[in-house]
Amino acid sequence: MESLLPVVVLLPFILVLLVVGSGRRAAADHQARRLAAIERKLDLVIAHLGLREDEPDAVMLELLAGRKVHAVKAYREATGASLLEAKNAVDAIARQHGIA
């Protein structure tokens, strides 16, 4: 009987921790799903309106000066994009504006 006493005392605390932990995880999952739904809706609105993100001015200045590497760097600094994403975006911007 004495060996069961610690288990009986600790069991309610363990159960409380499990319930609280699962509640927080469920709330975070719910919040992530809501955020994803909002982002999808915003993307649809932006597409419907025909809007696009404007390229940073520094990118255009660098492209017009013929400094593509500097344009990629400026794009990364302005947007936080990865190197590949920035290169692809700068290439697309250059094509849109007829800059080789």
C-alpha atoms as a PDB file:
ATOM      1  CA  MET A   1       0.000   0.000   0.000  1.00  0.00           C
ATOM      2  CA  GLU A   2       2.838   2.383   0.821  1.00  0.00           C
ATOM      3  CA  SER A   3       4.400   1.841  -2.613  1.00  0.00           C
ATOM      4  CA  LEU A   4       1.178   2.996  -4.323  1.00  0.00           C
ATOM      5  CA  LEU A   5       1.024   6.244  -2.380  1.00  0.00           C
ATOM      6  CA  PRO A   6       3.508   8.170  -4.609  1.00  0.00           C
ATOM      7  CA  VAL A   7       1.670   6.981  -7.725  1.00  0.00           C
ATOM      8  CA  VAL A   8      -1.708   8.037  -6.349  1.00  0.00           C
ATOM      9  CA  VAL A   9      -0.321  11.444  -5.373  1.00  0.00           C
ATOM     10  CA  LEU A  10       1.501  12.086  -8.679  1.00  0.00           C
ATOM     11  CA  LEU A  11      -1.207  10.766 -11.001  1.00  0.00           C
ATOM     12  CA  PRO A  12      -3.516  13.828 -10.737  1.00  0.00           C
ATOM     13  CA  PHE A  13      -0.590  16.173 -11.446  1.00  0.00           C
ATOM     14  CA  ILE A  14       0.431  14.172 -14.496  1.00  0.00           C
ATOM     15  CA  LEU A  15      -3.133  14.183 -15.795  1.00  0.00           C
ATOM     16  CA  VAL A  16      -3.399  17.958 -15.326  1.00  0.00           C
ATOM     17  CA  LEU A  17      -0.144  18.476 -17.235  1.00  0.00           C
ATOM     18  CA  LEU A  18      -1.354  16.281 -20.096  1.00  0.00           C
ATOM     19  CA  VAL A  19      -4.672  18.111 -20.354  1.00  0.00           C
ATOM     20  CA  VAL A  20      -3.061  21.554 -20.254  1.00  0.00           C
ATOM     21  CA  GLY A  21      -0.421  20.545 -22.790  1.00  0.00           C
ATOM     22  CA  SER A  22      -2.938  19.115 -25.240  1.00  0.00           C
ATOM     23  CA  GLY A  23      -5.119  22.224 -24.892  1.00  0.00           C
ATOM     24  CA  ARG A  24      -2.228  24.507 -25.811  1.00  0.00           C
ATOM     25  CA  ARG A  25      -1.279  22.309 -28.759  1.00  0.00           C
ATOM     26  CA  ALA A  26      -4.872  22.290 -29.987  1.00  0.00           C
ATOM     27  CA  ALA A  27      -5.053  26.077 -29.702  1.00  0.00           C
ATOM     28  CA  ALA A  28      -1.825  26.474 -31.671  1.00  0.00           C
ATOM     29  CA  ASP A  29      -3.091  24.079 -34.364  1.00  0.00           C
ATOM     30  CA  HIS A  30      -6.368  25.985 -34.579  1.00  0.00           C
ATOM     31  CA  GLN A  31      -4.524  29.279 -34.870  1.00  0.00           C
ATOM     32  CA  ALA A  32      -2.269  27.901 -37.629  1.00  0.00           C
ATOM     33  CA  ARG A  33      -5.296  26.644 -39.596  1.00  0.00           C
ATOM     34  CA  ARG A  34      -7.043  30.025 -39.283  1.00  0.00           C
ATOM     35  CA  LEU A  35      -3.915  31.848 -40.422  1.00  0.00           C
ATOM     36  CA  ALA A  36      -3.559  29.554 -43.443  1.00  0.00           C
ATOM     37  CA  ALA A  37      -7.211  30.152 -44.366  1.00  0.00           C
ATOM     38  CA  ILE A  38      -6.756  33.921 -44.094  1.00  0.00           C
ATOM     39  CA  GLU A  39      -3.646  33.786 -46.277  1.00  0.00           C
ATOM     40  CA  ARG A  40      -5.508  31.757 -48.927  1.00  0.00           C
ATOM     41  CA  LYS A  41      -8.372  34.255 -48.934  1.00  0.00           C
ATOM     42  CA  LEU A  42      -5.976  37.183 -49.187  1.00  0.00           C
ATOM     43  CA  ASP A  43      -4.179  35.523 -52.109  1.00  0.00           C
ATOM     44  CA  LEU A  44      -7.544  35.099 -53.866  1.00  0.00           C
ATOM     45  CA  VAL A  45      -8.447  38.763 -53.314  1.00  0.00           C
ATOM     46  CA  ILE A  46      -5.058  39.934 -54.586  1.00  0.00           C
ATOM     47  CA  ALA A  47      -5.357  37.708 -57.663  1.00  0.00           C
ATOM     48  CA  HIS A  48      -8.929  38.849 -58.326  1.00  0.00           C
ATOM     49  CA  LEU A  49      -7.889  42.492 -58.173  1.00  0.00           C
ATOM     50  CA  GLY A  50      -4.942  41.810 -60.455  1.00  0.00           C
ATOM     51  CA  LEU A  51      -2.470  43.193 -57.964  1.00  0.00           C
ATOM     52  CA  ARG A  52       1.141  42.158 -57.648  1.00  0.00           C
ATOM     53  CA  GLU A  53       3.841  42.959 -55.182  1.00  0.00           C
ATOM     54  CA  ASP A  54       5.862  45.904 -56.390  1.00  0.00           C
ATOM     55  CA  GLU A  55       9.517  45.226 -56.783  1.00  0.00           C
ATOM     56  CA  PRO A  56      11.751  47.283 -54.510  1.00  0.00           C
ATOM     57  CA  ASP A  57      13.114  50.466 -56.126  1.00  0.00           C
ATOM     58  CA  ALA A  58      16.692  49.447 -55.387  1.00  0.00           C
ATOM     59  CA  VAL A  59      16.225  46.315 -57.502  1.00  0.00           C
ATOM     60  CA  MET A  60      15.145  48.336 -60.532  1.00  0.00           C
ATOM     61  CA  LEU A  61      17.980  50.818 -60.067  1.00  0.00           C
ATOM     62  CA  GLU A  62      20.529  47.998 -59.947  1.00  0.00           C
ATOM     63  CA  LEU A  63      19.000  46.254 -62.967  1.00  0.00           C
ATOM     64  CA  LEU A  64      18.989  49.459 -64.995  1.00  0.00           C
ATOM     65  CA  ALA A  65      22.643  49.967 -64.080  1.00  0.00           C
ATOM     66  CA  GLY A  66      23.422  46.456 -65.333  1.00  0.00           C
ATOM     67  CA  ARG A  67      24.311  45.079 -61.900  1.00  0.00           C
ATOM     68  CA  LYS A  68      22.211  41.945 -61.647  1.00  0.00           C
ATOM     69  CA  VAL A  69      24.104  40.496 -58.679  1.00  0.00           C
ATOM     70  CA  HIS A  70      23.533  43.712 -56.736  1.00  0.00           C
ATOM     71  CA  ALA A  71      19.855  43.596 -57.749  1.00  0.00           C
ATOM     72  CA  VAL A  72      19.556  40.086 -56.298  1.00  0.00           C
ATOM     73  CA  LYS A  73      21.214  41.275 -53.095  1.00  0.00           C
ATOM     74  CA  ALA A  74      18.854  44.264 -52.889  1.00  0.00           C
ATOM     75  CA  TYR A  75      15.857  41.993 -53.446  1.00  0.00           C
ATOM     76  CA  ARG A  76      17.006  39.651 -50.664  1.00  0.00           C
ATOM     77  CA  GLU A  77      17.502  42.547 -48.258  1.00  0.00           C
ATOM     78  CA  ALA A  78      14.087  44.013 -49.070  1.00  0.00           C
ATOM     79  CA  THR A  79      12.099  40.779 -48.951  1.00  0.00           C
ATOM     80  CA  GLY A  80      14.084  38.257 -46.908  1.00  0.00           C
ATOM     81  CA  ALA A  81      13.911  35.780 -49.806  1.00  0.00           C
ATOM     82  CA  SER A  82      16.416  32.995 -50.267  1.00  0.00           C
ATOM     83  CA  LEU A  83      19.165  33.341 -52.859  1.00  0.00           C
ATOM     84  CA  LEU A  84      17.341  31.161 -55.397  1.00  0.00           C
ATOM     85  CA  GLU A  85      14.003  32.906 -54.823  1.00  0.00           C
ATOM     86  CA  ALA A  86      15.636  36.308 -55.192  1.00  0.00           C
ATOM     87  CA  LYS A  87      17.474  35.307 -58.382  1.00  0.00           C
ATOM     88  CA  ASN A  88      14.280  33.960 -59.927  1.00  0.00           C
ATOM     89  CA  ALA A  89      12.330  37.058 -58.916  1.00  0.00           C
ATOM     90  CA  VAL A  90      14.976  39.425 -60.292  1.00  0.00           C
ATOM     91  CA  ASP A  91      15.072  37.438 -63.539  1.00  0.00           C
ATOM     92  CA  ALA A  92      11.271  37.740 -63.788  1.00  0.00           C
ATOM     93  CA  ILE A  93      11.397  41.480 -63.064  1.00  0.00           C
ATOM     94  CA  ALA A  94      14.078  41.953 -65.700  1.00  0.00           C
ATOM     95  CA  ARG A  95      12.003  40.029 -68.264  1.00  0.00           C
ATOM     96  CA  GLN A  96       8.856  42.035 -67.417  1.00  0.00           C
ATOM     97  CA  HIS A  97      10.710  45.291 -68.017  1.00  0.00           C
ATOM     98  CA  GLY A  98      12.680  44.079 -71.040  1.00  0.00           C
ATOM     99  CA  ILE A  99      16.023  44.305 -69.273  1.00  0.00           C
ATOM    100  CA  ALA A 100      18.482  41.652 -70.414  1.00  0.00           C
END
